[in-house]
Amino acid sequence: MLGPRAKQYIFEGCRDAIHAATHVVALLDGTQVDDGTAWEIGYA
């Protein structure tokens, strides 16, 4: 679908959703935190 722009499209969507959110909830129930989730928590 987006090819080389896919990563940028996903990043912009996540960033914009965080800007629009009033709350952020993250599930940290594994042995290791996912890189994307860690970034979203830190950015928020």
N, C-alpha and C. Protein backbone atom coordinates (compact mmCIF):
# COMPACT_ATOMS: atom_id res chain seq x y z
N MET A 1 0.83 -1.19 0.00
CA MET A 1 0.00 0.00 0.00
C MET A 1 0.87 1.26 0.00
N LEU A 2 1.64 1.49 1.03
CA LEU A 2 2.42 2.72 1.13
C LEU A 2 3.89 2.51 0.80
N GLY A 3 4.32 1.26 0.81
CA GLY A 3 5.71 0.96 0.50
C GLY A 3 6.68 1.66 1.44
N PRO A 4 7.61 2.41 0.88
CA PRO A 4 8.65 3.04 1.71
C PRO A 4 8.12 4.10 2.67
N ARG A 5 6.90 4.61 2.45
CA ARG A 5 6.34 5.63 3.33
C ARG A 5 5.57 5.02 4.49
N ALA A 6 5.47 3.71 4.58
CA ALA A 6 4.66 3.06 5.61
C ALA A 6 5.10 3.45 7.01
N LYS A 7 6.41 3.41 7.28
CA LYS A 7 6.90 3.74 8.63
C LYS A 7 6.56 5.18 9.00
N GLN A 8 6.73 6.09 8.07
CA GLN A 8 6.42 7.50 8.34
C GLN A 8 4.93 7.69 8.57
N TYR A 9 4.10 7.00 7.80
CA TYR A 9 2.64 7.08 7.94
C TYR A 9 2.20 6.59 9.31
N ILE A 10 2.74 5.46 9.75
CA ILE A 10 2.40 4.90 11.07
C ILE A 10 2.88 5.84 12.17
N PHE A 11 4.11 6.34 12.07
CA PHE A 11 4.63 7.26 13.07
C PHE A 11 3.75 8.50 13.19
N GLU A 12 3.41 9.11 12.07
CA GLU A 12 2.59 10.32 12.10
C GLU A 12 1.22 10.05 12.70
N GLY A 13 0.64 8.89 12.40
CA GLY A 13 -0.66 8.53 12.97
C GLY A 13 -0.60 8.38 14.48
N CYS A 14 0.45 7.71 14.98
CA CYS A 14 0.62 7.54 16.43
C CYS A 14 0.86 8.89 17.11
N ARG A 15 1.72 9.69 16.54
CA ARG A 15 2.03 11.00 17.11
C ARG A 15 0.79 11.89 17.15
N ASP A 16 0.04 11.91 16.08
CA ASP A 16 -1.17 12.74 16.03
C ASP A 16 -2.23 12.25 17.02
N ALA A 17 -2.34 10.93 17.19
CA ALA A 17 -3.30 10.38 18.14
C ALA A 17 -2.92 10.75 19.58
N ILE A 18 -1.63 10.75 19.89
CA ILE A 18 -1.18 11.14 21.22
C ILE A 18 -1.49 12.61 21.46
N HIS A 19 -1.28 13.44 20.46
CA HIS A 19 -1.59 14.87 20.61
C HIS A 19 -3.08 15.09 20.87
N ALA A 20 -3.92 14.28 20.28
CA ALA A 20 -5.37 14.44 20.42
C ALA A 20 -5.92 13.79 21.69
N ALA A 21 -5.13 12.94 22.33
CA ALA A 21 -5.61 12.18 23.49
C ALA A 21 -5.59 13.01 24.77
N THR A 22 -6.50 12.66 25.65
CA THR A 22 -6.49 13.26 26.99
C THR A 22 -5.88 12.30 28.01
N HIS A 23 -5.82 11.01 27.66
CA HIS A 23 -5.23 9.99 28.52
C HIS A 23 -4.46 8.99 27.65
N VAL A 24 -3.48 8.36 28.25
CA VAL A 24 -2.74 7.30 27.58
C VAL A 24 -2.67 6.11 28.53
N VAL A 25 -3.04 4.94 28.04
CA VAL A 25 -2.97 3.71 28.83
C VAL A 25 -2.07 2.74 28.08
N ALA A 26 -1.11 2.17 28.76
CA ALA A 26 -0.20 1.21 28.13
C ALA A 26 -0.19 -0.09 28.93
N LEU A 27 -0.28 -1.21 28.25
CA LEU A 27 -0.22 -2.51 28.90
C LEU A 27 1.24 -2.99 28.88
N LEU A 28 1.79 -3.13 30.06
CA LEU A 28 3.19 -3.55 30.20
C LEU A 28 3.24 -4.88 30.92
N ASP A 29 2.60 -5.88 30.34
CA ASP A 29 2.47 -7.17 31.02
C ASP A 29 3.44 -8.24 30.51
N GLY A 30 4.33 -7.88 29.62
CA GLY A 30 5.28 -8.86 29.10
C GLY A 30 6.62 -8.77 29.82
N THR A 31 7.54 -9.58 29.38
CA THR A 31 8.87 -9.57 29.98
C THR A 31 9.71 -8.41 29.45
N GLN A 32 9.29 -7.85 28.33
CA GLN A 32 10.03 -6.76 27.72
C GLN A 32 9.03 -5.76 27.12
N VAL A 33 9.30 -4.48 27.28
CA VAL A 33 8.42 -3.45 26.73
C VAL A 33 8.71 -3.30 25.24
N ASP A 34 7.67 -3.30 24.43
CA ASP A 34 7.80 -3.10 22.99
C ASP A 34 8.40 -1.72 22.71
N ASP A 35 9.27 -1.61 21.74
CA ASP A 35 9.92 -0.33 21.41
C ASP A 35 8.91 0.75 21.09
N GLY A 36 7.90 0.42 20.31
CA GLY A 36 6.89 1.41 19.93
C GLY A 36 6.11 1.88 21.15
N THR A 37 5.75 0.96 22.02
CA THR A 37 5.01 1.33 23.23
C THR A 37 5.87 2.21 24.14
N ALA A 38 7.13 1.87 24.26
CA ALA A 38 8.05 2.67 25.08
C ALA A 38 8.14 4.10 24.54
N TRP A 39 8.23 4.23 23.22
CA TRP A 39 8.30 5.56 22.62
C TRP A 39 7.01 6.33 22.88
N GLU A 40 5.87 5.68 22.71
CA GLU A 40 4.58 6.34 22.93
C GLU A 40 4.43 6.82 24.37
N ILE A 41 4.85 6.02 25.34
CA ILE A 41 4.79 6.41 26.75
C ILE A 41 5.68 7.62 26.99
N GLY A 42 6.90 7.57 26.51
CA GLY A 42 7.82 8.67 26.69
C GLY A 42 7.35 9.95 26.02
N TYR A 43 6.82 9.84 24.82
CA TYR A 43 6.36 10.99 24.08
C TYR A 43 5.15 11.64 24.76
N ALA A 44 4.26 10.77 25.25
CA ALA A 44 3.06 11.29 25.92
C ALA A 44 3.44 12.03 27.18
